[in-house]
C-alpha atoms as a PDB file:
ATOM      1  CA  MET A   1     -13.469  14.802   7.941  1.00  0.00           C
ATOM      2  CA  LYS A   2     -14.096  18.984   7.820  1.00  0.00           C
ATOM      3  CA  ASN A   3     -11.004  19.989   8.890  1.00  0.00           C
ATOM      4  CA  LYS A   4      -9.981  20.988   5.231  1.00  0.00           C
ATOM      5  CA  LEU A   5      -5.806  21.524   7.392  1.00  0.00           C
ATOM      6  CA  GLN A   6      -6.345  18.138   9.143  1.00  0.00           C
ATOM      7  CA  TYR A   7      -7.861  16.142   6.139  1.00  0.00           C
ATOM      8  CA  ILE A   8      -4.774  17.228   3.706  1.00  0.00           C
ATOM      9  CA  SER A   9      -2.532  16.010   6.988  1.00  0.00           C
ATOM     10  CA  THR A  10      -3.792  12.555   7.180  1.00  0.00           C
ATOM     11  CA  ILE A  11      -3.946  12.363   3.438  1.00  0.00           C
ATOM     12  CA  ILE A  12      -0.157  13.472   3.936  1.00  0.00           C
ATOM     13  CA  PHE A  13       1.003  11.451   6.309  1.00  0.00           C
ATOM     14  CA  PHE A  14      -0.403   7.987   5.792  1.00  0.00           C
ATOM     15  CA  GLY A  15       0.878   8.803   1.930  1.00  0.00           C
ATOM     16  CA  SER A  16       4.272   9.106   4.424  1.00  0.00           C
ATOM     17  CA  ILE A  17       3.834   5.631   5.217  1.00  0.00           C
ATOM     18  CA  TRP A  18       3.112   4.217   2.711  1.00  0.00           C
ATOM     19  CA  GLY A  19       6.191   5.817   1.330  1.00  0.00           C
ATOM     20  CA  ILE A  20       8.137   4.646   3.745  1.00  0.00           C
ATOM     21  CA  THR A  21       7.110   0.808   4.194  1.00  0.00           C
ATOM     22  CA  GLU A  22       8.010   1.033   0.409  1.00  0.00           C
ATOM     23  CA  ALA A  23      11.545   1.729   0.745  1.00  0.00           C
ATOM     24  CA  THR A  24      11.899  -0.557   4.309  1.00  0.00           C
ATOM     25  CA  LEU A  25      10.066  -3.086   4.353  1.00  0.00           C
ATOM     26  CA  GLY A  26      10.718  -3.371   0.219  1.00  0.00           C
ATOM     27  CA  TYR A  27      14.080  -3.114   1.776  1.00  0.00           C
ATOM     28  CA  VAL A  28      13.887  -5.761   3.703  1.00  0.00           C
ATOM     29  CA  LEU A  29      12.510  -8.092   1.470  1.00  0.00           C
ATOM     30  CA  HIS A  30      15.052  -7.433  -1.603  1.00  0.00           C
ATOM     31  CA  LEU A  31      17.484  -8.891   0.648  1.00  0.00           C
ATOM     32  CA  ILE A  32      16.174 -11.906   1.548  1.00  0.00           C
ATOM     33  CA  PRO A  33      17.774 -14.264  -0.170  1.00  0.00           C
ATOM     34  CA  GLY A  34      15.532 -16.703  -2.399  1.00  0.00           C
ATOM     35  CA  LEU A  35      12.534 -15.133  -1.411  1.00  0.00           C
ATOM     36  CA  SER A  36      10.230 -14.732  -4.916  1.00  0.00           C
ATOM     37  CA  ILE A  37       9.636 -10.812  -6.133  1.00  0.00           C
ATOM     38  CA  TYR A  38       6.224 -12.021  -6.267  1.00  0.00           C
ATOM     39  CA  LEU A  39       5.813 -12.582  -2.539  1.00  0.00           C
ATOM     40  CA  SER A  40       7.770 -10.036  -1.369  1.00  0.00           C
ATOM     41  CA  GLY A  41       4.998  -8.142  -4.042  1.00  0.00           C
ATOM     42  CA  SER A  42       1.915  -9.766  -2.148  1.00  0.00           C
ATOM     43  CA  ILE A  43       3.624  -8.289   1.403  1.00  0.00           C
ATOM     44  CA  LEU A  44       4.014  -5.604   0.151  1.00  0.00           C
ATOM     45  CA  PHE A  45       0.515  -4.910  -2.132  1.00  0.00           C
ATOM     46  CA  ALA A  46      -1.055  -6.687   1.636  1.00  0.00           C
ATOM     47  CA  PHE A  47       0.041  -3.738   3.602  1.00  0.00           C
ATOM     48  CA  ALA A  48      -0.302  -1.046   1.247  1.00  0.00           C
ATOM     49  CA  SER A  49      -3.959  -2.025   1.412  1.00  0.00           C
ATOM     50  CA  TYR A  50      -3.941  -1.845   5.108  1.00  0.00           C
ATOM     51  CA  ILE A  51      -2.685   1.863   4.715  1.00  0.00           C
ATOM     52  CA  LEU A  52      -5.445   2.919   2.912  1.00  0.00           C
ATOM     53  CA  TYR A  53      -8.021   0.801   4.795  1.00  0.00           C
ATOM     54  CA  LYS A  54      -6.714   3.087   7.705  1.00  0.00           C
ATOM     55  CA  ALA A  55      -7.176   6.031   5.857  1.00  0.00           C
ATOM     56  CA  TYR A  56     -10.031   6.320   4.917  1.00  0.00           C
ATOM     57  CA  SER A  57     -11.773   5.115   7.793  1.00  0.00           C
ATOM     58  CA  LYS A  58     -10.159   8.396   9.430  1.00  0.00           C
ATOM     59  CA  THR A  59     -10.997  10.184   6.770  1.00  0.00           C
ATOM     60  CA  ASN A  60     -14.528   8.452   5.604  1.00  0.00           C
ATOM     61  CA  SER A  61     -12.853   9.891   2.131  1.00  0.00           C
ATOM     62  CA  LYS A  62     -13.099   7.735  -1.421  1.00  0.00           C
ATOM     63  CA  THR A  63     -11.170  10.462  -2.815  1.00  0.00           C
ATOM     64  CA  SER A  64      -8.497  10.786  -0.434  1.00  0.00           C
ATOM     65  CA  LEU A  65      -6.738   7.234  -1.672  1.00  0.00           C
ATOM     66  CA  VAL A  66      -5.840   8.986  -4.521  1.00  0.00           C
ATOM     67  CA  TYR A  67      -4.632  11.347  -3.212  1.00  0.00           C
ATOM     68  CA  ILE A  68      -2.759   8.901  -0.851  1.00  0.00           C
ATOM     69  CA  GLY A  69      -1.986   7.030  -4.027  1.00  0.00           C
ATOM     70  CA  ILE A  70      -0.366  10.127  -5.696  1.00  0.00           C
ATOM     71  CA  VAL A  71       1.920  11.241  -2.194  1.00  0.00           C
ATOM     72  CA  ALA A  72       2.683   8.187  -1.517  1.00  0.00           C
ATOM     73  CA  THR A  73       4.320   7.548  -5.510  1.00  0.00           C
ATOM     74  CA  LEU A  74       5.216  11.139  -5.642  1.00  0.00           C
ATOM     75  CA  ILE A  75       7.749  10.310  -2.673  1.00  0.00           C
ATOM     76  CA  LYS A  76       8.771   7.100  -5.118  1.00  0.00           C
ATOM     77  CA  ALA A  77       9.802   9.440  -7.992  1.00  0.00           C
ATOM     78  CA  THR A  78      12.326  11.110  -6.111  1.00  0.00           C
ATOM     79  CA  ASN A  79      14.897   8.638  -6.748  1.00  0.00           C
ATOM     80  CA  PHE A  80      14.694   9.784 -10.340  1.00  0.00           C
ATOM     81  CA  PHE A  81      17.738  12.075  -8.533  1.00  0.00           C
ATOM     82  CA  LEU A  82      19.580   9.162  -8.414  1.00  0.00           C
ATOM     83  CA  PRO A  83      22.150   7.708 -10.921  1.00  0.00           C
ATOM     84  CA  LEU A  84      19.630   4.859 -12.643  1.00  0.00           C
ATOM     85  CA  THR A  85      20.245   2.037 -14.693  1.00  0.00           C
ATOM     86  CA  SER A  86      17.083   1.791 -15.683  1.00  0.00           C
ATOM     87  CA  VAL A  87      13.970   4.681 -15.423  1.00  0.00           C
ATOM     88  CA  PHE A  88      11.239   2.166 -15.334  1.00  0.00           C
ATOM     89  CA  LYS A  89      13.200   0.563 -11.872  1.00  0.00           C
ATOM     90  CA  VAL A  90      11.224   3.909 -10.948  1.00  0.00           C
ATOM     91  CA  ILE A  91       7.710   4.120 -12.702  1.00  0.00           C
ATOM     92  CA  ASN A  92       6.756   0.822 -12.632  1.00  0.00           C
ATOM     93  CA  PRO A  93       6.628   0.569  -8.636  1.00  0.00           C
ATOM     94  CA  MET A  94       4.672   4.153  -9.186  1.00  0.00           C
ATOM     95  CA  ALA A  95       2.536   2.470 -11.634  1.00  0.00           C
ATOM     96  CA  SER A  96       2.424   0.148  -9.161  1.00  0.00           C
ATOM     97  CA  ILE A  97       0.647   2.306  -6.683  1.00  0.00           C
ATOM     98  CA  LEU A  98      -1.485   4.924  -8.244  1.00  0.00           C
ATOM     99  CA  LEU A  99      -2.534   1.322  -9.672  1.00  0.00           C
ATOM    100  CA  GLU A 100      -4.388   0.088  -6.760  1.00  0.00           C
ATOM    101  CA  SER A 101      -4.662   2.965  -4.879  1.00  0.00           C
ATOM    102  CA  LEU A 102      -7.155   3.360  -7.788  1.00  0.00           C
ATOM    103  CA  LEU A 103      -8.469   0.050  -7.900  1.00  0.00           C
ATOM    104  CA  LEU A 104      -9.575   0.065  -4.087  1.00  0.00           C
ATOM    105  CA  ILE A 105     -12.120   3.196  -4.590  1.00  0.00           C
ATOM    106  CA  GLY A 106     -14.212   0.083  -5.584  1.00  0.00           C
ATOM    107  CA  VAL A 107     -14.037  -2.035  -2.624  1.00  0.00           C
ATOM    108  CA  ILE A 108     -12.908   0.101   0.439  1.00  0.00           C
ATOM    109  CA  THR A 109     -16.744  -0.522   1.333  1.00  0.00           C
ATOM    110  CA  TYR A 110     -16.712  -3.834   1.659  1.00  0.00           C
ATOM    111  CA  ILE A 111     -13.441  -4.278   3.034  1.00  0.00           C
ATOM    112  CA  SER A 112     -14.170  -1.649   6.072  1.00  0.00           C
ATOM    113  CA  LYS A 113     -17.575  -3.665   7.325  1.00  0.00           C
ATOM    114  CA  ASP A 114     -16.735  -5.738  10.433  1.00  0.00           C
ATOM    115  CA  ASN A 115     -17.211  -8.908   8.253  1.00  0.00           C
ATOM    116  CA  LEU A 116     -15.228 -11.550   7.228  1.00  0.00           C
ATOM    117  CA  LEU A 117     -16.871 -12.585   4.479  1.00  0.00           C
ATOM    118  CA  ASN A 118     -16.768  -9.048   3.060  1.00  0.00           C
ATOM    119  CA  ARG A 119     -13.434  -8.733   3.517  1.00  0.00           C
ATOM    120  CA  VAL A 120     -12.535 -11.274   1.450  1.00  0.00           C
ATOM    121  CA  SER A 121     -14.505 -10.786  -0.704  1.00  0.00           C
ATOM    122  CA  GLY A 122     -12.958  -7.172  -1.103  1.00  0.00           C
ATOM    123  CA  LEU A 123      -9.405  -7.933  -0.686  1.00  0.00           C
ATOM    124  CA  LEU A 124     -10.104 -10.694  -3.710  1.00  0.00           C
ATOM    125  CA  VAL A 125     -11.145  -8.429  -6.303  1.00  0.00           C
ATOM    126  CA  ILE A 126      -8.565  -5.755  -5.823  1.00  0.00           C
ATOM    127  CA  SER A 127      -5.275  -8.524  -5.410  1.00  0.00           C
ATOM    128  CA  PHE A 128      -6.664 -10.340  -8.774  1.00  0.00           C
ATOM    129  CA  SER A 129      -7.904  -6.743  -9.830  1.00  0.00           C
ATOM    130  CA  TRP A 130      -4.959  -4.986  -9.533  1.00  0.00           C
ATOM    131  CA  ARG A 131      -2.054  -8.342 -10.970  1.00  0.00           C
ATOM    132  CA  LEU A 132      -4.193  -8.350 -13.900  1.00  0.00           C
ATOM    133  CA  GLY A 133      -3.974  -4.270 -14.290  1.00  0.00           C
ATOM    134  CA  TYR A 134      -0.157  -4.716 -14.023  1.00  0.00           C
ATOM    135  CA  TYR A 135      -0.249  -7.834 -16.302  1.00  0.00           C
ATOM    136  CA  LEU A 136      -1.298  -5.775 -19.013  1.00  0.00           C
ATOM    137  CA  TYR A 137       0.559  -2.648 -18.593  1.00  0.00           C
ATOM    138  CA  ARG A 138       4.034  -4.834 -17.995  1.00  0.00           C
ATOM    139  CA  GLY A 139       3.192  -7.479 -20.595  1.00  0.00           C
ATOM    140  CA  SER A 140       3.852 -11.172 -19.991  1.00  0.00           C
ATOM    141  CA  SER A 141       7.799 -10.858 -19.906  1.00  0.00           C
ATOM    142  CA  TYR A 142       7.817 -11.415 -16.332  1.00  0.00           C
ATOM    143  CA  LEU A 143       5.351 -14.998 -16.341  1.00  0.00           C
ATOM    144  CA  SER A 144       7.190 -17.448 -19.851  1.00  0.00           C
ATOM    145  CA  THR A 145       5.569 -20.822 -18.069  1.00  0.00           C
ATOM    146  CA  THR A 146       1.603 -21.907 -16.831  1.00  0.00           C
ATOM    147  CA  SER A 147       3.472 -22.005 -13.278  1.00  0.00           C
ATOM    148  CA  ASP A 148       4.478 -18.472 -12.489  1.00  0.00           C
ATOM    149  CA  TYR A 149       0.944 -17.596 -14.363  1.00  0.00           C
ATOM    150  CA  ILE A 150      -0.813 -19.841 -11.213  1.00  0.00           C
ATOM    151  CA  GLN A 151       1.487 -18.059  -8.877  1.00  0.00           C
ATOM    152  CA  PHE A 152       1.235 -14.980  -9.831  1.00  0.00           C
ATOM    153  CA  PHE A 153      -2.633 -15.053 -10.031  1.00  0.00           C
ATOM    154  CA  VAL A 154      -3.859 -17.737  -7.916  1.00  0.00           C
ATOM    155  CA  ILE A 155      -1.449 -18.171  -4.745  1.00  0.00           C
ATOM    156  CA  TYR A 156      -0.026 -15.442  -4.724  1.00  0.00           C
ATOM    157  CA  ALA A 157      -3.391 -13.159  -4.686  1.00  0.00           C
ATOM    158  CA  ILE A 158      -4.292 -14.988  -2.219  1.00  0.00           C
ATOM    159  CA  SER A 159      -1.348 -14.596  -0.783  1.00  0.00           C
ATOM    160  CA  SER A 160      -1.944 -11.125  -0.074  1.00  0.00           C
ATOM    161  CA  VAL A 161      -6.068 -11.309   0.776  1.00  0.00           C
ATOM    162  CA  LEU A 162      -4.241 -13.317   3.812  1.00  0.00           C
ATOM    163  CA  PHE A 163      -1.373 -10.972   4.653  1.00  0.00           C
ATOM    164  CA  GLY A 164      -3.986  -8.307   4.523  1.00  0.00           C
ATOM    165  CA  LEU A 165      -7.010  -9.773   6.408  1.00  0.00           C
ATOM    166  CA  GLY A 166      -4.196 -10.880   8.926  1.00  0.00           C
ATOM    167  CA  LEU A 167      -3.403  -7.301   9.478  1.00  0.00           C
ATOM    168  CA  ILE A 168      -6.631  -5.623   9.421  1.00  0.00           C
ATOM    169  CA  TYR A 169      -7.140  -7.907  12.921  1.00  0.00           C
ATOM    170  CA  LEU A 170      -4.176  -8.039  14.199  1.00  0.00           C
ATOM    171  CA  ASP A 171      -4.715  -4.043  14.207  1.00  0.00           C
ATOM    172  CA  LYS A 172      -8.404  -4.286  15.586  1.00  0.00           C
ATOM    173  CA  LEU A 173      -7.179  -6.302  18.447  1.00  0.00           C
ATOM    174  CA  ILE A 174      -4.154  -3.977  19.430  1.00  0.00           C
ATOM    175  CA  THR A 175      -7.006  -1.477  19.295  1.00  0.00           C
ATOM    176  CA  ASN A 176      -9.721  -2.822  21.343  1.00  0.00           C
ATOM    177  CA  LYS A 177      -7.204  -3.760  23.831  1.00  0.00           C
ATOM    178  CA  LEU A 178      -6.240   0.281  23.860  1.00  0.00           C
ATOM    179  CA  THR A 179      -7.655   1.117  27.581  1.00  0.00           C
ATOM    180  CA  SER A 180      -6.103   4.951  27.249  1.00  0.00           C
ATOM    181  CA  ASN A 181      -8.315   8.092  26.797  1.00  0.00           C
ATOM    182  CA  LYS A 182      -4.534   9.856  25.370  1.00  0.00           C
ATOM    183  CA  LYS A 183      -4.152   9.378  22.356  1.00  0.00           C
ATOM    184  CA  LEU A 184      -1.449  10.423  20.288  1.00  0.00           C
ATOM    185  CA  ASN A 185      -2.839  12.626  17.554  1.00  0.00           C
ATOM    186  CA  LEU A 186      -1.026  11.622  14.367  1.00  0.00           C
ATOM    187  CA  PHE A 187      -1.953  13.233  11.830  1.00  0.00           C
ATOM    188  CA  ASN A 188      -1.087  16.496  12.591  1.00  0.00           C
ATOM    189  CA  PRO A 189       0.967  19.017  10.209  1.00  0.00           C
ATOM    190  CA  VAL A 190       4.161  18.207  12.300  1.00  0.00           C
ATOM    191  CA  VAL A 191       4.031  15.143  12.214  1.00  0.00           C
ATOM    192  CA  SER A 192       2.563  15.063   8.719  1.00  0.00           C
ATOM    193  CA  LEU A 193       5.177  16.692   7.495  1.00  0.00           C
ATOM    194  CA  ALA A 194       7.733  14.382   9.751  1.00  0.00           C
ATOM    195  CA  SER A 195       6.684  11.243   8.348  1.00  0.00           C
ATOM    196  CA  LEU A 196       7.482  13.182   4.667  1.00  0.00           C
ATOM    197  CA  ILE A 197      10.300  14.315   4.620  1.00  0.00           C
ATOM    198  CA  LEU A 198      11.414  10.424   6.710  1.00  0.00           C
ATOM    199  CA  ALA A 199       9.954   8.754   3.545  1.00  0.00           C
ATOM    200  CA  ILE A 200      11.897  11.155   0.807  1.00  0.00           C
ATOM    201  CA  VAL A 201      14.549  10.356   2.911  1.00  0.00           C
ATOM    202  CA  LEU A 202      14.600   6.267   3.435  1.00  0.00           C
ATOM    203  CA  THR A 203      13.058   6.778  -0.373  1.00  0.00           C
ATOM    204  CA  LEU A 204      16.492   8.135  -1.441  1.00  0.00           C
ATOM    205  CA  VAL A 205      18.987   6.405   1.215  1.00  0.00           C
ATOM    206  CA  LEU A 206      17.961   3.047   0.615  1.00  0.00           C
END
């Protein structure tokens, strides 16, 4: 992406979409009675991976993924302006966002190839690597039994892969069905700024 303004605008747009997803989908998932925090995390992880996948297809830049993660992290950081019971409720998601954006750099070229095996292997690597990194960061305080470990590192890791694959192929199906030549430019500065403002507002409100 040669145009610097468009490049920055695209980063802000996708970082804002990530922030909006964390605020809205994350809020809804936590309202569902009996839904495991591991499963809700797997769903959010899949959406985040899809957002970065789409961003890379637009920018063709691995560095942009880090910048997008930073934008999403800063949006999440606005929660520091709210009365909190624990700062870790903000710091932990921020660490998770940054970790994923950094790890995805290593596998994004595989995920971007139109090949099922490459996409599955790439998503498996990042799903497991993210969980291992988060485990090392948080420690074992929230995993107490063998069943917890199996769920976290196996069942929900695979769930993330399946959710992520579903989003990628759904996007491909929709894109292939688009016949209109008139496409809305979502990456101009006005739309990106509006998305950023919306992401901040939703993060503070929800």
